[in-house]
Amino acid sequence: MNHKEAFTALLYKFMTSPKFKANDTARKERFKQGVIHNRPGWTMKDVALAMSLRQVRSLQRSLVLHEGYFGKGAYSPDTYGAPAWQGSSEENTALMQSVLHFFGSPQVGVVELNQNTKRLFSARSRFEAVDKPYKTADKIAVIPEKCKYAVTFLVKQSAIMNQFSAITEKEGIWSNYGPILGEAGTYQAYHYEALIAFKLQMF
């Protein structure tokens, strides 16, 4: 089973589980009743705004970042028969900052990969003495030990929209949930993050 088949099988298992079905049914009922009764924070416009961003974000994650750009990789110096890019640490940092600012990130940083910072990586990744990064059959990202730095970037997220997430409903099926508008701000930010990350990968 290749990584695409493994990911599809895992996703199918999750989406067909009783817990997922119960949560999905309850979620749809909140949307339905909110739309029917024009409940503030759950109106047709509110739900449409949040779900449009959620669906696009899911599509980006499943089709673009996980599987690549329709099977095409990034253009590299090898594509043109040219030598690899060479630059100092300062030049490379300035280049990454310029590119990511252009792609939409307001702040860019570079972090040294050492024994302390490597502990911040998830269990779904590991470092090995390999020449190029790859993913194992069980979706573990293998990062070459020779990689010495990680590029970090911020994505803008609406502070005003986030305030809706701090609101906790008290009535009926909405109890303990915040208005869907709060999720819209989060989905928008993750949508931008996926776009910027994909552009950077292609660069």
C-alpha atoms as a PDB file:
ATOM      1  CA  MET A   1       0.000   0.000   0.000  1.00  0.00           C
ATOM      2  CA  ASN A   2       1.498   3.361  -1.033  1.00  0.00           C
ATOM      3  CA  HIS A   3       1.173   6.571   1.008  1.00  0.00           C
ATOM      4  CA  LYS A   4      -1.840   7.776  -1.000  1.00  0.00           C
ATOM      5  CA  GLU A   5      -3.745   4.529  -0.415  1.00  0.00           C
ATOM      6  CA  ALA A   6      -2.767   4.534   3.281  1.00  0.00           C
ATOM      7  CA  PHE A   7      -3.977   8.113   3.730  1.00  0.00           C
ATOM      8  CA  THR A   8      -7.251   7.344   1.934  1.00  0.00           C
ATOM      9  CA  ALA A   9      -7.817   4.240   4.093  1.00  0.00           C
ATOM     10  CA  LEU A  10      -7.128   6.171   7.308  1.00  0.00           C
ATOM     11  CA  LEU A  11      -9.433   9.004   6.244  1.00  0.00           C
ATOM     12  CA  TYR A  12     -12.206   6.542   5.338  1.00  0.00           C
ATOM     13  CA  LYS A  13     -11.840   4.763   8.688  1.00  0.00           C
ATOM     14  CA  PHE A  14     -12.154   8.068  10.562  1.00  0.00           C
ATOM     15  CA  MET A  15     -15.102   9.377   8.533  1.00  0.00           C
ATOM     16  CA  THR A  16     -17.064   6.128   8.908  1.00  0.00           C
ATOM     17  CA  SER A  17     -16.538   5.821  12.671  1.00  0.00           C
ATOM     18  CA  PRO A  18     -19.638   6.120  14.929  1.00  0.00           C
ATOM     19  CA  LYS A  19     -18.133   9.080  16.799  1.00  0.00           C
ATOM     20  CA  PHE A  20     -17.506  11.047  13.604  1.00  0.00           C
ATOM     21  CA  LYS A  21     -21.005  10.325  12.322  1.00  0.00           C
ATOM     22  CA  ALA A  22     -22.581  11.420  15.625  1.00  0.00           C
ATOM     23  CA  ASN A  23     -20.563  14.644  15.738  1.00  0.00           C
ATOM     24  CA  ASP A  24     -21.280  15.369  12.088  1.00  0.00           C
ATOM     25  CA  THR A  25     -25.029  14.809  12.580  1.00  0.00           C
ATOM     26  CA  ALA A  26     -25.102  17.131  15.607  1.00  0.00           C
ATOM     27  CA  ARG A  27     -23.096  19.764  13.748  1.00  0.00           C
ATOM     28  CA  LYS A  28     -25.434  19.712  10.757  1.00  0.00           C
ATOM     29  CA  GLU A  29     -28.435  20.028  13.076  1.00  0.00           C
ATOM     30  CA  ARG A  30     -26.913  23.144  14.677  1.00  0.00           C
ATOM     31  CA  PHE A  31     -26.416  24.606  11.237  1.00  0.00           C
ATOM     32  CA  LYS A  32     -29.927  23.672  10.135  1.00  0.00           C
ATOM     33  CA  GLN A  33     -31.696  25.114  13.174  1.00  0.00           C
ATOM     34  CA  GLY A  34     -29.528  28.220  13.134  1.00  0.00           C
ATOM     35  CA  VAL A  35     -30.357  28.879   9.493  1.00  0.00           C
ATOM     36  CA  ILE A  36     -34.085  28.151   9.899  1.00  0.00           C
ATOM     37  CA  HIS A  37     -34.439  30.394  12.964  1.00  0.00           C
ATOM     38  CA  ASN A  38     -31.990  33.030  11.712  1.00  0.00           C
ATOM     39  CA  ARG A  39     -29.999  32.730  14.944  1.00  0.00           C
ATOM     40  CA  PRO A  40     -27.233  35.393  15.272  1.00  0.00           C
ATOM     41  CA  GLY A  41     -23.874  33.800  14.528  1.00  0.00           C
ATOM     42  CA  TRP A  42     -25.571  30.830  12.845  1.00  0.00           C
ATOM     43  CA  THR A  43     -27.524  32.481  10.028  1.00  0.00           C
ATOM     44  CA  MET A  44     -27.399  31.286   6.433  1.00  0.00           C
ATOM     45  CA  LYS A  45     -24.746  33.906   5.658  1.00  0.00           C
ATOM     46  CA  ASP A  46     -22.657  32.931   8.697  1.00  0.00           C
ATOM     47  CA  VAL A  47     -22.723  29.217   7.907  1.00  0.00           C
ATOM     48  CA  ALA A  48     -22.040  29.792   4.194  1.00  0.00           C
ATOM     49  CA  LEU A  49     -19.021  31.985   4.996  1.00  0.00           C
ATOM     50  CA  ALA A  50     -17.451  29.501   7.407  1.00  0.00           C
ATOM     51  CA  MET A  51     -18.158  26.369   5.397  1.00  0.00           C
ATOM     52  CA  SER A  52     -16.872  27.816   2.117  1.00  0.00           C
ATOM     53  CA  LEU A  53     -13.489  28.388   3.779  1.00  0.00           C
ATOM     54  CA  ARG A  54     -13.563  25.008   5.537  1.00  0.00           C
ATOM     55  CA  GLN A  55     -14.241  23.127   2.307  1.00  0.00           C
ATOM     56  CA  VAL A  56     -11.528  24.947   0.358  1.00  0.00           C
ATOM     57  CA  ARG A  57      -9.016  24.374   3.159  1.00  0.00           C
ATOM     58  CA  SER A  58      -9.816  20.641   3.192  1.00  0.00           C
ATOM     59  CA  LEU A  59      -9.401  20.452  -0.580  1.00  0.00           C
ATOM     60  CA  GLN A  60      -6.045  22.203  -0.397  1.00  0.00           C
ATOM     61  CA  ARG A  61      -4.766  19.830   2.249  1.00  0.00           C
ATOM     62  CA  SER A  62      -5.914  16.633   0.547  1.00  0.00           C
ATOM     63  CA  LEU A  63      -5.162  17.403  -3.108  1.00  0.00           C
ATOM     64  CA  VAL A  64      -2.355  19.938  -3.134  1.00  0.00           C
ATOM     65  CA  LEU A  65      -0.033  19.582  -0.163  1.00  0.00           C
ATOM     66  CA  HIS A  66      -0.409  15.832   0.410  1.00  0.00           C
ATOM     67  CA  GLU A  67      -0.383  14.692  -3.193  1.00  0.00           C
ATOM     68  CA  GLY A  68       1.562  17.456  -4.912  1.00  0.00           C
ATOM     69  CA  TYR A  69       0.470  19.774  -7.703  1.00  0.00           C
ATOM     70  CA  PHE A  70      -1.312  17.212  -9.885  1.00  0.00           C
ATOM     71  CA  GLY A  71       1.825  15.093  -9.896  1.00  0.00           C
ATOM     72  CA  LYS A  72       4.157  17.931 -10.913  1.00  0.00           C
ATOM     73  CA  GLY A  73       7.152  18.923  -8.844  1.00  0.00           C
ATOM     74  CA  ALA A  74       8.787  22.315  -8.476  1.00  0.00           C
ATOM     75  CA  TYR A  75      11.108  23.700 -11.138  1.00  0.00           C
ATOM     76  CA  SER A  76      14.715  23.451  -9.974  1.00  0.00           C
ATOM     77  CA  PRO A  77      18.125  24.423 -11.372  1.00  0.00           C
ATOM     78  CA  ASP A  78      18.353  20.847 -12.703  1.00  0.00           C
ATOM     79  CA  THR A  79      15.302  21.580 -14.853  1.00  0.00           C
ATOM     80  CA  TYR A  80      17.330  24.124 -16.798  1.00  0.00           C
ATOM     81  CA  GLY A  81      20.709  22.412 -16.552  1.00  0.00           C
ATOM     82  CA  ALA A  82      21.966  25.195 -14.298  1.00  0.00           C
ATOM     83  CA  PRO A  83      24.132  24.946 -11.156  1.00  0.00           C
ATOM     84  CA  ALA A  84      22.438  24.860  -7.757  1.00  0.00           C
ATOM     85  CA  TRP A  85      21.752  28.143  -5.968  1.00  0.00           C
ATOM     86  CA  GLN A  86      24.599  29.256  -3.726  1.00  0.00           C
ATOM     87  CA  GLY A  87      24.245  32.006  -1.133  1.00  0.00           C
ATOM     88  CA  SER A  88      25.406  33.023   2.303  1.00  0.00           C
ATOM     89  CA  SER A  89      23.195  32.539   5.363  1.00  0.00           C
ATOM     90  CA  GLU A  90      22.372  36.242   5.281  1.00  0.00           C
ATOM     91  CA  GLU A  91      21.501  36.181   1.573  1.00  0.00           C
ATOM     92  CA  ASN A  92      19.344  33.079   1.945  1.00  0.00           C
ATOM     93  CA  THR A  93      17.489  34.546   4.930  1.00  0.00           C
ATOM     94  CA  ALA A  94      16.837  37.807   3.080  1.00  0.00           C
ATOM     95  CA  LEU A  95      15.611  35.836   0.060  1.00  0.00           C
ATOM     96  CA  MET A  96      13.165  33.783   2.139  1.00  0.00           C
ATOM     97  CA  GLN A  97      11.887  36.913   3.868  1.00  0.00           C
ATOM     98  CA  SER A  98      11.307  38.702   0.564  1.00  0.00           C
ATOM     99  CA  VAL A  99       9.580  35.725  -1.041  1.00  0.00           C
ATOM    100  CA  LEU A 100       7.307  35.000   1.930  1.00  0.00           C
ATOM    101  CA  HIS A 101       6.409  38.667   2.381  1.00  0.00           C
ATOM    102  CA  PHE A 102       5.402  38.695  -1.291  1.00  0.00           C
ATOM    103  CA  PHE A 103       3.378  35.504  -0.810  1.00  0.00           C
ATOM    104  CA  GLY A 104       1.450  37.147   2.040  1.00  0.00           C
ATOM    105  CA  SER A 105       3.238  36.470   5.336  1.00  0.00           C
ATOM    106  CA  PRO A 106       3.730  39.529   7.585  1.00  0.00           C
ATOM    107  CA  GLN A 107       6.632  38.022   9.542  1.00  0.00           C
ATOM    108  CA  VAL A 108       9.321  35.481   8.680  1.00  0.00           C
ATOM    109  CA  GLY A 109      11.975  33.846  10.831  1.00  0.00           C
ATOM    110  CA  VAL A 110      14.701  31.228  10.706  1.00  0.00           C
ATOM    111  CA  VAL A 111      15.331  28.721  13.514  1.00  0.00           C
ATOM    112  CA  GLU A 112      18.443  26.610  13.963  1.00  0.00           C
ATOM    113  CA  LEU A 113      17.737  22.878  14.116  1.00  0.00           C
ATOM    114  CA  ASN A 114      19.532  21.501  17.159  1.00  0.00           C
ATOM    115  CA  GLN A 115      18.801  18.959  19.885  1.00  0.00           C
ATOM    116  CA  ASN A 116      16.459  21.402  21.620  1.00  0.00           C
ATOM    117  CA  THR A 117      14.449  22.632  18.626  1.00  0.00           C
ATOM    118  CA  LYS A 118      14.162  19.141  17.122  1.00  0.00           C
ATOM    119  CA  ARG A 119      12.144  18.159  20.186  1.00  0.00           C
ATOM    120  CA  LEU A 120       9.417  20.519  18.977  1.00  0.00           C
ATOM    121  CA  PHE A 121       8.733  18.387  15.899  1.00  0.00           C
ATOM    122  CA  SER A 122       5.750  16.044  16.036  1.00  0.00           C
ATOM    123  CA  ALA A 123       5.946  12.275  16.289  1.00  0.00           C
ATOM    124  CA  ARG A 124       4.966  12.179  12.615  1.00  0.00           C
ATOM    125  CA  SER A 125       8.484  13.241  11.608  1.00  0.00           C
ATOM    126  CA  ARG A 126      12.060  12.172  12.271  1.00  0.00           C
ATOM    127  CA  PHE A 127      15.607  13.035  11.221  1.00  0.00           C
ATOM    128  CA  GLU A 128      17.841  10.586   9.346  1.00  0.00           C
ATOM    129  CA  ALA A 129      21.192  10.603   7.533  1.00  0.00           C
ATOM    130  CA  VAL A 130      19.617  10.707   4.056  1.00  0.00           C
ATOM    131  CA  ASP A 131      20.235  12.949   1.060  1.00  0.00           C
ATOM    132  CA  LYS A 132      16.641  13.991   0.359  1.00  0.00           C
ATOM    133  CA  PRO A 133      13.431  14.157   2.434  1.00  0.00           C
ATOM    134  CA  TYR A 134      10.738  11.556   1.901  1.00  0.00           C
ATOM    135  CA  LYS A 135       7.642  10.042   3.498  1.00  0.00           C
ATOM    136  CA  THR A 136       7.395   6.480   4.713  1.00  0.00           C
ATOM    137  CA  ALA A 137       4.483   4.170   3.948  1.00  0.00           C
ATOM    138  CA  ASP A 138       2.888   5.103   7.272  1.00  0.00           C
ATOM    139  CA  LYS A 139       3.124   8.857   6.525  1.00  0.00           C
ATOM    140  CA  ILE A 140       6.183   9.633   8.661  1.00  0.00           C
ATOM    141  CA  ALA A 141       8.096  12.612   7.250  1.00  0.00           C
ATOM    142  CA  VAL A 142      11.834  11.880   7.134  1.00  0.00           C
ATOM    143  CA  ILE A 143      14.022  14.995   7.255  1.00  0.00           C
ATOM    144  CA  PRO A 144      17.726  14.873   6.292  1.00  0.00           C
ATOM    145  CA  GLU A 145      20.120  15.427   9.198  1.00  0.00           C
ATOM    146  CA  LYS A 146      22.043  17.866   7.005  1.00  0.00           C
ATOM    147  CA  CYS A 147      19.132  20.332   7.224  1.00  0.00           C
ATOM    148  CA  LYS A 148      20.402  22.882   9.736  1.00  0.00           C
ATOM    149  CA  TYR A 149      17.656  25.506   9.702  1.00  0.00           C
ATOM    150  CA  ALA A 150      13.859  25.744   9.525  1.00  0.00           C
ATOM    151  CA  VAL A 151      11.998  28.670   7.973  1.00  0.00           C
ATOM    152  CA  THR A 152       9.007  29.896   9.977  1.00  0.00           C
ATOM    153  CA  PHE A 153       6.288  32.332   8.946  1.00  0.00           C
ATOM    154  CA  LEU A 154       3.168  33.905  10.378  1.00  0.00           C
ATOM    155  CA  VAL A 155      -0.267  34.116   8.775  1.00  0.00           C
ATOM    156  CA  LYS A 156      -2.744  36.893   9.430  1.00  0.00           C
ATOM    157  CA  GLN A 157      -5.869  35.878  11.346  1.00  0.00           C
ATOM    158  CA  SER A 158      -8.743  38.216  12.118  1.00  0.00           C
ATOM    159  CA  ALA A 159      -8.648  39.210  15.796  1.00  0.00           C
ATOM    160  CA  ILE A 160     -12.226  40.477  15.570  1.00  0.00           C
ATOM    161  CA  MET A 161     -13.509  37.183  14.154  1.00  0.00           C
ATOM    162  CA  ASN A 162     -11.604  35.296  16.852  1.00  0.00           C
ATOM    163  CA  GLN A 163     -13.622  37.064  19.529  1.00  0.00           C
ATOM    164  CA  PHE A 164     -16.652  35.056  18.430  1.00  0.00           C
ATOM    165  CA  SER A 165     -14.786  31.869  19.410  1.00  0.00           C
ATOM    166  CA  ALA A 166     -14.629  33.108  23.005  1.00  0.00           C
ATOM    167  CA  ILE A 167     -18.427  33.267  23.173  1.00  0.00           C
ATOM    168  CA  THR A 168     -20.090  30.157  24.606  1.00  0.00           C
ATOM    169  CA  GLU A 169     -23.715  29.545  23.746  1.00  0.00           C
ATOM    170  CA  LYS A 170     -26.017  28.584  26.638  1.00  0.00           C
ATOM    171  CA  GLU A 171     -29.150  27.343  24.909  1.00  0.00           C
ATOM    172  CA  GLY A 172     -30.285  24.008  23.492  1.00  0.00           C
ATOM    173  CA  ILE A 173     -28.225  22.261  20.853  1.00  0.00           C
ATOM    174  CA  TRP A 174     -25.827  25.223  20.671  1.00  0.00           C
ATOM    175  CA  SER A 175     -24.826  24.875  24.351  1.00  0.00           C
ATOM    176  CA  ASN A 176     -21.027  25.001  24.850  1.00  0.00           C
ATOM    177  CA  TYR A 177     -20.439  25.994  21.220  1.00  0.00           C
ATOM    178  CA  GLY A 178     -19.387  29.385  19.923  1.00  0.00           C
ATOM    179  CA  PRO A 179     -20.954  31.052  16.858  1.00  0.00           C
ATOM    180  CA  ILE A 180     -19.763  29.587  13.574  1.00  0.00           C
ATOM    181  CA  LEU A 181     -18.360  33.005  12.670  1.00  0.00           C
ATOM    182  CA  GLY A 182     -15.491  32.314  15.061  1.00  0.00           C
ATOM    183  CA  GLU A 183     -14.506  29.301  13.000  1.00  0.00           C
ATOM    184  CA  ALA A 184     -14.589  31.376   9.816  1.00  0.00           C
ATOM    185  CA  GLY A 185     -11.631  33.432  11.014  1.00  0.00           C
ATOM    186  CA  THR A 186      -9.668  30.293  11.828  1.00  0.00           C
ATOM    187  CA  TYR A 187     -10.503  28.614   8.515  1.00  0.00           C
ATOM    188  CA  GLN A 188      -9.454  31.738   6.617  1.00  0.00           C
ATOM    189  CA  ALA A 189      -6.037  31.752   8.302  1.00  0.00           C
ATOM    190  CA  TYR A 190      -5.437  28.042   7.678  1.00  0.00           C
ATOM    191  CA  HIS A 191      -6.537  28.542   4.077  1.00  0.00           C
ATOM    192  CA  TYR A 192      -3.870  31.226   3.641  1.00  0.00           C
ATOM    193  CA  GLU A 193      -1.281  29.101   5.454  1.00  0.00           C
ATOM    194  CA  ALA A 194      -1.815  26.228   3.019  1.00  0.00           C
ATOM    195  CA  LEU A 195      -1.510  28.562   0.025  1.00  0.00           C
ATOM    196  CA  ILE A 196       1.658  30.214   1.298  1.00  0.00           C
ATOM    197  CA  ALA A 197       3.238  26.869   2.232  1.00  0.00           C
ATOM    198  CA  PHE A 198       2.445  25.443  -1.213  1.00  0.00           C
ATOM    199  CA  LYS A 199       3.884  28.500  -2.975  1.00  0.00           C
ATOM    200  CA  LEU A 200       7.034  28.236  -0.861  1.00  0.00           C
ATOM    201  CA  GLN A 201       7.392  24.540  -1.699  1.00  0.00           C
ATOM    202  CA  MET A 202       7.145  25.356  -5.396  1.00  0.00           C
ATOM    203  CA  PHE A 203       9.671  28.183  -5.006  1.00  0.00           C
END
